[in-house]
Amino acid sequence: MKETRSTPVPANLRRVYEMSFGRVYPEYVGKAERKGRTKREVDQVIRWLTGYNQRQLTSHVRKGTSLESFFVQAPSPNPDRSLITGVVCGVRVEEVEEPTMREIRYLDKLVDELARGKAMEKILRSSEGS
């Protein structure tokens, strides 16, 4: 994304954006592991979505980077992330208008799919052959 915010964050989203990625990350891992998936698979999904390498991902977890900064500073957001569709937390991810919240919902959706046992090849969408 590597963008700067040109409009203020809506008040109802500020609390979410200020949450530490390091606080949310173990929740993603725990959800996946409870369903027989691995931390390694969660990391693979996050790297696919954001373009971070493993060292960078680990650094953000340790530093406590805010969710907003984690996504805004993502080095290479996957162009195929727009293929992520469906409902998470009662909201269709493809209809989320606020860009940073959409990125957060994309990750929520990918981790949900991982926890539900979806094959990694299906989770890591690709526009090739579509």
N, C-alpha and C. Protein backbone atom coordinates (compact mmCIF):
# COMPACT_ATOMS: atom_id res chain seq x y z
N MET A 1 0.82 -1.18 0.00
CA MET A 1 0.00 0.00 0.00
C MET A 1 0.87 1.25 0.00
N LYS A 2 1.83 1.36 0.91
CA LYS A 2 2.77 2.48 0.96
C LYS A 2 2.11 3.81 0.62
N GLU A 3 1.06 4.10 1.32
CA GLU A 3 0.35 5.34 1.06
C GLU A 3 0.30 6.15 2.35
N THR A 4 0.11 7.42 2.20
CA THR A 4 -0.11 8.25 3.37
C THR A 4 -1.59 8.57 3.41
N ARG A 5 -2.08 8.72 4.59
CA ARG A 5 -3.51 8.95 4.76
C ARG A 5 -3.85 10.39 4.43
N SER A 6 -4.77 10.59 3.50
CA SER A 6 -5.17 11.94 3.10
C SER A 6 -6.45 12.37 3.81
N THR A 7 -7.17 11.41 4.37
CA THR A 7 -8.38 11.73 5.10
C THR A 7 -8.28 11.16 6.51
N PRO A 8 -8.93 11.81 7.47
CA PRO A 8 -8.85 11.30 8.83
C PRO A 8 -9.54 9.93 8.96
N VAL A 9 -9.03 9.14 9.89
CA VAL A 9 -9.62 7.83 10.14
C VAL A 9 -10.93 8.03 10.90
N PRO A 10 -11.98 7.38 10.46
CA PRO A 10 -13.24 7.47 11.20
C PRO A 10 -13.04 7.02 12.65
N ALA A 11 -13.70 7.68 13.57
CA ALA A 11 -13.52 7.42 15.00
C ALA A 11 -13.77 5.96 15.36
N ASN A 12 -14.75 5.34 14.71
CA ASN A 12 -15.07 3.95 15.04
C ASN A 12 -13.97 2.97 14.59
N LEU A 13 -13.08 3.40 13.73
CA LEU A 13 -11.99 2.53 13.27
C LEU A 13 -10.68 2.81 13.99
N ARG A 14 -10.55 3.96 14.60
CA ARG A 14 -9.29 4.37 15.23
C ARG A 14 -8.80 3.32 16.23
N ARG A 15 -9.69 2.80 17.08
CA ARG A 15 -9.29 1.82 18.09
C ARG A 15 -8.70 0.56 17.44
N VAL A 16 -9.31 0.11 16.37
CA VAL A 16 -8.82 -1.07 15.66
C VAL A 16 -7.45 -0.78 15.05
N TYR A 17 -7.33 0.36 14.40
CA TYR A 17 -6.07 0.70 13.73
C TYR A 17 -4.91 0.85 14.69
N GLU A 18 -5.19 1.28 15.90
CA GLU A 18 -4.14 1.48 16.89
C GLU A 18 -3.73 0.20 17.59
N MET A 19 -4.50 -0.88 17.41
CA MET A 19 -4.13 -2.16 18.02
C MET A 19 -2.78 -2.62 17.49
N SER A 20 -2.03 -3.24 18.36
CA SER A 20 -0.72 -3.76 17.99
C SER A 20 -0.88 -5.02 17.15
N PHE A 21 -0.16 -5.08 16.03
CA PHE A 21 -0.17 -6.29 15.22
C PHE A 21 0.34 -7.46 16.05
N GLY A 22 1.30 -7.19 16.94
CA GLY A 22 1.83 -8.22 17.82
C GLY A 22 0.80 -8.78 18.78
N ARG A 23 -0.24 -8.04 19.05
CA ARG A 23 -1.33 -8.51 19.91
C ARG A 23 -2.32 -9.36 19.11
N VAL A 24 -2.56 -9.01 17.87
CA VAL A 24 -3.53 -9.70 17.03
C VAL A 24 -2.94 -10.97 16.43
N TYR A 25 -1.67 -10.94 16.09
CA TYR A 25 -1.00 -12.06 15.43
C TYR A 25 -1.19 -13.39 16.18
N PRO A 26 -0.97 -13.44 17.51
CA PRO A 26 -1.18 -14.72 18.20
C PRO A 26 -2.62 -15.23 18.12
N GLU A 27 -3.57 -14.32 17.96
CA GLU A 27 -4.96 -14.73 17.80
C GLU A 27 -5.15 -15.44 16.47
N TYR A 28 -4.53 -14.91 15.42
CA TYR A 28 -4.59 -15.56 14.11
C TYR A 28 -3.96 -16.96 14.19
N VAL A 29 -2.78 -17.03 14.80
CA VAL A 29 -2.07 -18.32 14.90
C VAL A 29 -2.89 -19.31 15.73
N GLY A 30 -3.42 -18.84 16.86
CA GLY A 30 -4.21 -19.72 17.72
C GLY A 30 -5.43 -20.27 17.02
N LYS A 31 -6.11 -19.42 16.27
CA LYS A 31 -7.30 -19.85 15.54
C LYS A 31 -6.94 -20.96 14.55
N ALA A 32 -5.84 -20.75 13.83
CA ALA A 32 -5.40 -21.75 12.85
C ALA A 32 -4.96 -23.05 13.54
N GLU A 33 -4.18 -22.92 14.60
CA GLU A 33 -3.66 -24.12 15.27
C GLU A 33 -4.77 -24.94 15.92
N ARG A 34 -5.80 -24.29 16.44
CA ARG A 34 -6.93 -25.03 17.03
C ARG A 34 -7.62 -25.90 15.99
N LYS A 35 -7.46 -25.55 14.73
CA LYS A 35 -8.08 -26.32 13.64
C LYS A 35 -7.07 -27.19 12.89
N GLY A 36 -5.90 -27.40 13.50
CA GLY A 36 -4.92 -28.30 12.90
C GLY A 36 -3.99 -27.68 11.87
N ARG A 37 -4.02 -26.36 11.73
CA ARG A 37 -3.11 -25.68 10.81
C ARG A 37 -1.92 -25.18 11.61
N THR A 38 -0.95 -24.57 10.93
CA THR A 38 0.29 -24.21 11.61
C THR A 38 0.58 -22.71 11.56
N LYS A 39 1.45 -22.29 12.47
CA LYS A 39 1.94 -20.90 12.48
C LYS A 39 2.62 -20.61 11.15
N ARG A 40 3.35 -21.58 10.65
CA ARG A 40 4.04 -21.42 9.36
C ARG A 40 3.06 -21.09 8.24
N GLU A 41 1.90 -21.74 8.25
CA GLU A 41 0.88 -21.47 7.23
C GLU A 41 0.28 -20.07 7.40
N VAL A 42 0.07 -19.67 8.65
CA VAL A 42 -0.43 -18.31 8.91
C VAL A 42 0.58 -17.30 8.36
N ASP A 43 1.86 -17.52 8.66
CA ASP A 43 2.90 -16.62 8.17
C ASP A 43 2.91 -16.58 6.64
N GLN A 44 2.73 -17.72 6.01
CA GLN A 44 2.72 -17.78 4.54
C GLN A 44 1.58 -16.92 3.99
N VAL A 45 0.42 -17.01 4.61
CA VAL A 45 -0.74 -16.24 4.17
C VAL A 45 -0.46 -14.74 4.34
N ILE A 46 0.11 -14.36 5.47
CA ILE A 46 0.41 -12.94 5.73
C ILE A 46 1.45 -12.43 4.74
N ARG A 47 2.48 -13.22 4.50
CA ARG A 47 3.52 -12.80 3.54
C ARG A 47 2.93 -12.66 2.14
N TRP A 48 2.06 -13.60 1.74
CA TRP A 48 1.42 -13.52 0.42
C TRP A 48 0.61 -12.23 0.31
N LEU A 49 -0.14 -11.90 1.34
CA LEU A 49 -1.01 -10.74 1.31
C LEU A 49 -0.23 -9.42 1.28
N THR A 50 0.83 -9.33 2.08
CA THR A 50 1.51 -8.05 2.31
C THR A 50 2.82 -7.84 1.57
N GLY A 51 3.50 -8.92 1.24
CA GLY A 51 4.82 -8.78 0.63
C GLY A 51 5.95 -8.71 1.64
N TYR A 52 5.65 -8.77 2.94
CA TYR A 52 6.71 -8.81 3.94
C TYR A 52 7.44 -10.14 3.82
N ASN A 53 8.75 -10.13 4.12
CA ASN A 53 9.45 -11.40 4.23
C ASN A 53 9.35 -11.86 5.69
N GLN A 54 9.83 -13.06 6.00
CA GLN A 54 9.65 -13.60 7.35
C GLN A 54 10.35 -12.74 8.40
N ARG A 55 11.51 -12.25 8.10
CA ARG A 55 12.24 -11.41 9.06
C ARG A 55 11.46 -10.14 9.36
N GLN A 56 10.92 -9.52 8.34
CA GLN A 56 10.14 -8.28 8.53
C GLN A 56 8.86 -8.56 9.33
N LEU A 57 8.20 -9.66 9.00
CA LEU A 57 6.98 -10.04 9.70
C LEU A 57 7.27 -10.23 11.19
N THR A 58 8.30 -10.99 11.50
CA THR A 58 8.69 -11.23 12.89
C THR A 58 9.03 -9.93 13.60
N SER A 59 9.69 -9.04 12.92
CA SER A 59 10.05 -7.74 13.49
C SER A 59 8.80 -6.93 13.85
N HIS A 60 7.82 -6.92 12.98
CA HIS A 60 6.58 -6.17 13.26
C HIS A 60 5.82 -6.77 14.44
N VAL A 61 5.84 -8.09 14.55
CA VAL A 61 5.19 -8.74 15.69
C VAL A 61 5.89 -8.30 16.98
N ARG A 62 7.21 -8.33 16.98
CA ARG A 62 7.99 -7.97 18.18
C ARG A 62 7.90 -6.50 18.53
N LYS A 63 7.92 -5.63 17.51
CA LYS A 63 7.89 -4.18 17.75
C LYS A 63 6.54 -3.68 18.22
N GLY A 64 5.50 -4.42 17.94
CA GLY A 64 4.17 -3.95 18.31
C GLY A 64 3.65 -2.89 17.35
N THR A 65 4.04 -2.98 16.11
CA THR A 65 3.56 -2.07 15.07
C THR A 65 2.02 -2.05 15.08
N SER A 66 1.44 -0.89 14.90
CA SER A 66 -0.02 -0.80 14.85
C SER A 66 -0.53 -1.52 13.61
N LEU A 67 -1.77 -1.98 13.68
CA LEU A 67 -2.37 -2.63 12.51
C LEU A 67 -2.35 -1.69 11.31
N GLU A 68 -2.68 -0.43 11.56
CA GLU A 68 -2.70 0.53 10.46
C GLU A 68 -1.32 0.63 9.81
N SER A 69 -0.29 0.82 10.61
CA SER A 69 1.06 0.94 10.06
C SER A 69 1.50 -0.34 9.37
N PHE A 70 1.15 -1.48 9.95
CA PHE A 70 1.52 -2.76 9.36
C PHE A 70 1.03 -2.86 7.92
N PHE A 71 -0.22 -2.47 7.69
CA PHE A 71 -0.78 -2.58 6.34
C PHE A 71 -0.37 -1.41 5.44
N VAL A 72 -0.32 -0.22 5.97
CA VAL A 72 0.05 0.95 5.15
C VAL A 72 1.50 0.82 4.68
N GLN A 73 2.37 0.23 5.51
CA GLN A 73 3.78 0.10 5.17
C GLN A 73 4.11 -1.20 4.43
N ALA A 74 3.12 -2.01 4.16
CA ALA A 74 3.37 -3.30 3.49
C ALA A 74 4.18 -3.05 2.22
N PRO A 75 5.29 -3.78 2.07
CA PRO A 75 6.20 -3.50 0.96
C PRO A 75 5.65 -3.83 -0.42
N SER A 76 4.80 -4.85 -0.51
CA SER A 76 4.33 -5.26 -1.83
C SER A 76 3.00 -6.00 -1.71
N PRO A 77 1.92 -5.26 -1.45
CA PRO A 77 0.61 -5.92 -1.34
C PRO A 77 0.31 -6.71 -2.61
N ASN A 78 -0.13 -7.93 -2.42
CA ASN A 78 -0.38 -8.81 -3.55
C ASN A 78 -1.53 -8.27 -4.41
N PRO A 79 -1.30 -8.09 -5.70
CA PRO A 79 -2.36 -7.56 -6.56
C PRO A 79 -3.57 -8.50 -6.62
N ASP A 80 -3.37 -9.78 -6.36
CA ASP A 80 -4.48 -10.73 -6.41
C ASP A 80 -5.33 -10.71 -5.14
N ARG A 81 -4.99 -9.86 -4.18
CA ARG A 81 -5.80 -9.79 -2.95
C ARG A 81 -7.21 -9.30 -3.25
N SER A 82 -7.38 -8.60 -4.35
CA SER A 82 -8.73 -8.14 -4.72
C SER A 82 -9.64 -9.32 -5.10
N LEU A 83 -9.06 -10.50 -5.29
CA LEU A 83 -9.86 -11.69 -5.58
C LEU A 83 -10.47 -12.29 -4.31
N ILE A 84 -10.08 -11.77 -3.15
CA ILE A 84 -10.62 -12.26 -1.88
C ILE A 84 -12.03 -11.69 -1.72
N THR A 85 -13.00 -12.58 -1.63
CA THR A 85 -14.38 -12.17 -1.47
C THR A 85 -15.03 -13.02 -0.39
N GLY A 86 -16.16 -12.58 0.06
CA GLY A 86 -16.90 -13.35 1.05
C GLY A 86 -17.17 -12.53 2.29
N VAL A 87 -17.76 -13.19 3.27
CA VAL A 87 -18.18 -12.51 4.49
C VAL A 87 -17.27 -12.88 5.65
N VAL A 88 -16.88 -11.86 6.40
CA VAL A 88 -16.15 -12.06 7.65
C VAL A 88 -16.72 -11.05 8.64
N CYS A 89 -17.04 -11.54 9.82
CA CYS A 89 -17.66 -10.70 10.85
C CYS A 89 -18.92 -10.02 10.33
N GLY A 90 -19.66 -10.70 9.49
CA GLY A 90 -20.91 -10.18 8.97
C GLY A 90 -20.79 -9.12 7.89
N VAL A 91 -19.57 -8.92 7.39
CA VAL A 91 -19.33 -7.88 6.39
C VAL A 91 -18.70 -8.52 5.16
N ARG A 92 -19.19 -8.14 3.98
CA ARG A 92 -18.56 -8.62 2.73
C ARG A 92 -17.25 -7.86 2.55
N VAL A 93 -16.14 -8.58 2.52
CA VAL A 93 -14.84 -7.93 2.46
C VAL A 93 -14.66 -7.07 1.21
N GLU A 94 -15.23 -7.50 0.11
CA GLU A 94 -15.06 -6.75 -1.14
C GLU A 94 -15.85 -5.44 -1.14
N GLU A 95 -16.73 -5.26 -0.16
CA GLU A 95 -17.52 -4.04 -0.09
C GLU A 95 -17.01 -3.04 0.95
N VAL A 96 -15.95 -3.40 1.66
CA VAL A 96 -15.38 -2.49 2.66
C VAL A 96 -14.71 -1.33 1.92
N GLU A 97 -15.18 -0.13 2.18
CA GLU A 97 -14.69 1.03 1.43
C GLU A 97 -13.37 1.58 1.96
N GLU A 98 -13.18 1.59 3.26
CA GLU A 98 -11.96 2.17 3.84
C GLU A 98 -10.80 1.23 3.53
N PRO A 99 -9.78 1.70 2.82
CA PRO A 99 -8.71 0.82 2.32
C PRO A 99 -7.97 0.01 3.40
N THR A 100 -7.63 0.63 4.50
CA THR A 100 -6.89 -0.11 5.52
C THR A 100 -7.78 -1.16 6.17
N MET A 101 -9.02 -0.83 6.43
CA MET A 101 -9.94 -1.82 7.00
C MET A 101 -10.16 -2.96 6.04
N ARG A 102 -10.19 -2.69 4.75
CA ARG A 102 -10.34 -3.76 3.75
C ARG A 102 -9.14 -4.71 3.84
N GLU A 103 -7.94 -4.17 4.01
CA GLU A 103 -6.74 -5.01 4.13
C GLU A 103 -6.84 -5.90 5.37
N ILE A 104 -7.31 -5.33 6.48
CA ILE A 104 -7.47 -6.10 7.71
C ILE A 104 -8.49 -7.22 7.49
N ARG A 105 -9.59 -6.90 6.84
CA ARG A 105 -10.62 -7.90 6.57
C ARG A 105 -10.13 -8.98 5.61
N TYR A 106 -9.29 -8.59 4.66
CA TYR A 106 -8.69 -9.61 3.77
C TYR A 106 -7.94 -10.63 4.62
N LEU A 107 -7.12 -10.15 5.54
CA LEU A 107 -6.35 -11.08 6.37
C LEU A 107 -7.28 -11.92 7.24
N ASP A 108 -8.28 -11.30 7.82
CA ASP A 108 -9.26 -12.06 8.62
C ASP A 108 -9.86 -13.19 7.78
N LYS A 109 -10.24 -12.88 6.56
CA LYS A 109 -10.87 -13.86 5.68
C LYS A 109 -9.90 -14.99 5.34
N LEU A 110 -8.65 -14.65 5.05
CA LEU A 110 -7.67 -15.68 4.71
C LEU A 110 -7.43 -16.62 5.89
N VAL A 111 -7.32 -16.07 7.09
CA VAL A 111 -7.12 -16.91 8.27
C VAL A 111 -8.36 -17.77 8.53
N ASP A 112 -9.54 -17.22 8.32
CA ASP A 112 -10.77 -18.02 8.45
C ASP A 112 -10.75 -19.21 7.49
N GLU A 113 -10.36 -18.95 6.25
CA GLU A 113 -10.31 -20.03 5.26
C GLU A 113 -9.27 -21.08 5.66
N LEU A 114 -8.14 -20.63 6.15
CA LEU A 114 -7.10 -21.55 6.61
C LEU A 114 -7.65 -22.43 7.73
N ALA A 115 -8.30 -21.80 8.70
CA ALA A 115 -8.84 -22.54 9.85
C ALA A 115 -9.95 -23.51 9.44
N ARG A 116 -10.65 -23.20 8.38
CA ARG A 116 -11.71 -24.09 7.91
C ARG A 116 -11.18 -25.24 7.06
N GLY A 117 -9.88 -25.28 6.87
CA GLY A 117 -9.29 -26.41 6.16
C GLY A 117 -9.17 -26.25 4.66
N LYS A 118 -9.40 -25.05 4.16
CA LYS A 118 -9.29 -24.82 2.72
C LYS A 118 -7.84 -25.06 2.28
N ALA A 119 -7.65 -25.59 1.11
CA ALA A 119 -6.31 -25.86 0.58
C ALA A 119 -5.55 -24.55 0.36
N MET A 120 -4.28 -24.57 0.68
CA MET A 120 -3.45 -23.37 0.57
C MET A 120 -3.47 -22.82 -0.86
N GLU A 121 -3.51 -23.68 -1.86
CA GLU A 121 -3.53 -23.22 -3.25
C GLU A 121 -4.78 -22.38 -3.54
N LYS A 122 -5.87 -22.70 -2.87
CA LYS A 122 -7.11 -21.95 -3.05
C LYS A 122 -7.08 -20.65 -2.25
N ILE A 123 -6.47 -20.70 -1.07
CA ILE A 123 -6.39 -19.51 -0.22
C ILE A 123 -5.53 -18.45 -0.90
N LEU A 124 -4.40 -18.85 -1.44
CA LEU A 124 -3.48 -17.92 -2.10
C LEU A 124 -3.92 -17.76 -3.55
N ARG A 125 -4.91 -16.99 -3.71
CA ARG A 125 -5.54 -16.80 -5.01
C ARG A 125 -4.56 -16.29 -6.05
N SER A 126 -4.90 -16.58 -7.27
CA SER A 126 -4.09 -16.10 -8.38
C SER A 126 -5.01 -15.75 -9.54
N SER A 127 -4.72 -14.63 -10.18
CA SER A 127 -5.53 -14.23 -11.34
C SER A 127 -5.10 -14.99 -12.58
N GLU A 128 -3.99 -15.72 -12.51
CA GLU A 128 -3.52 -16.51 -13.66
C GLU A 128 -4.54 -17.61 -13.95
N GLY A 129 -4.92 -17.71 -15.16
CA GLY A 129 -5.85 -18.75 -15.56
C GLY A 129 -7.29 -18.42 -15.28
N SER A 130 -7.55 -17.22 -14.76
CA SER A 130 -8.94 -16.83 -14.48
C SER A 130 -9.61 -16.26 -15.68
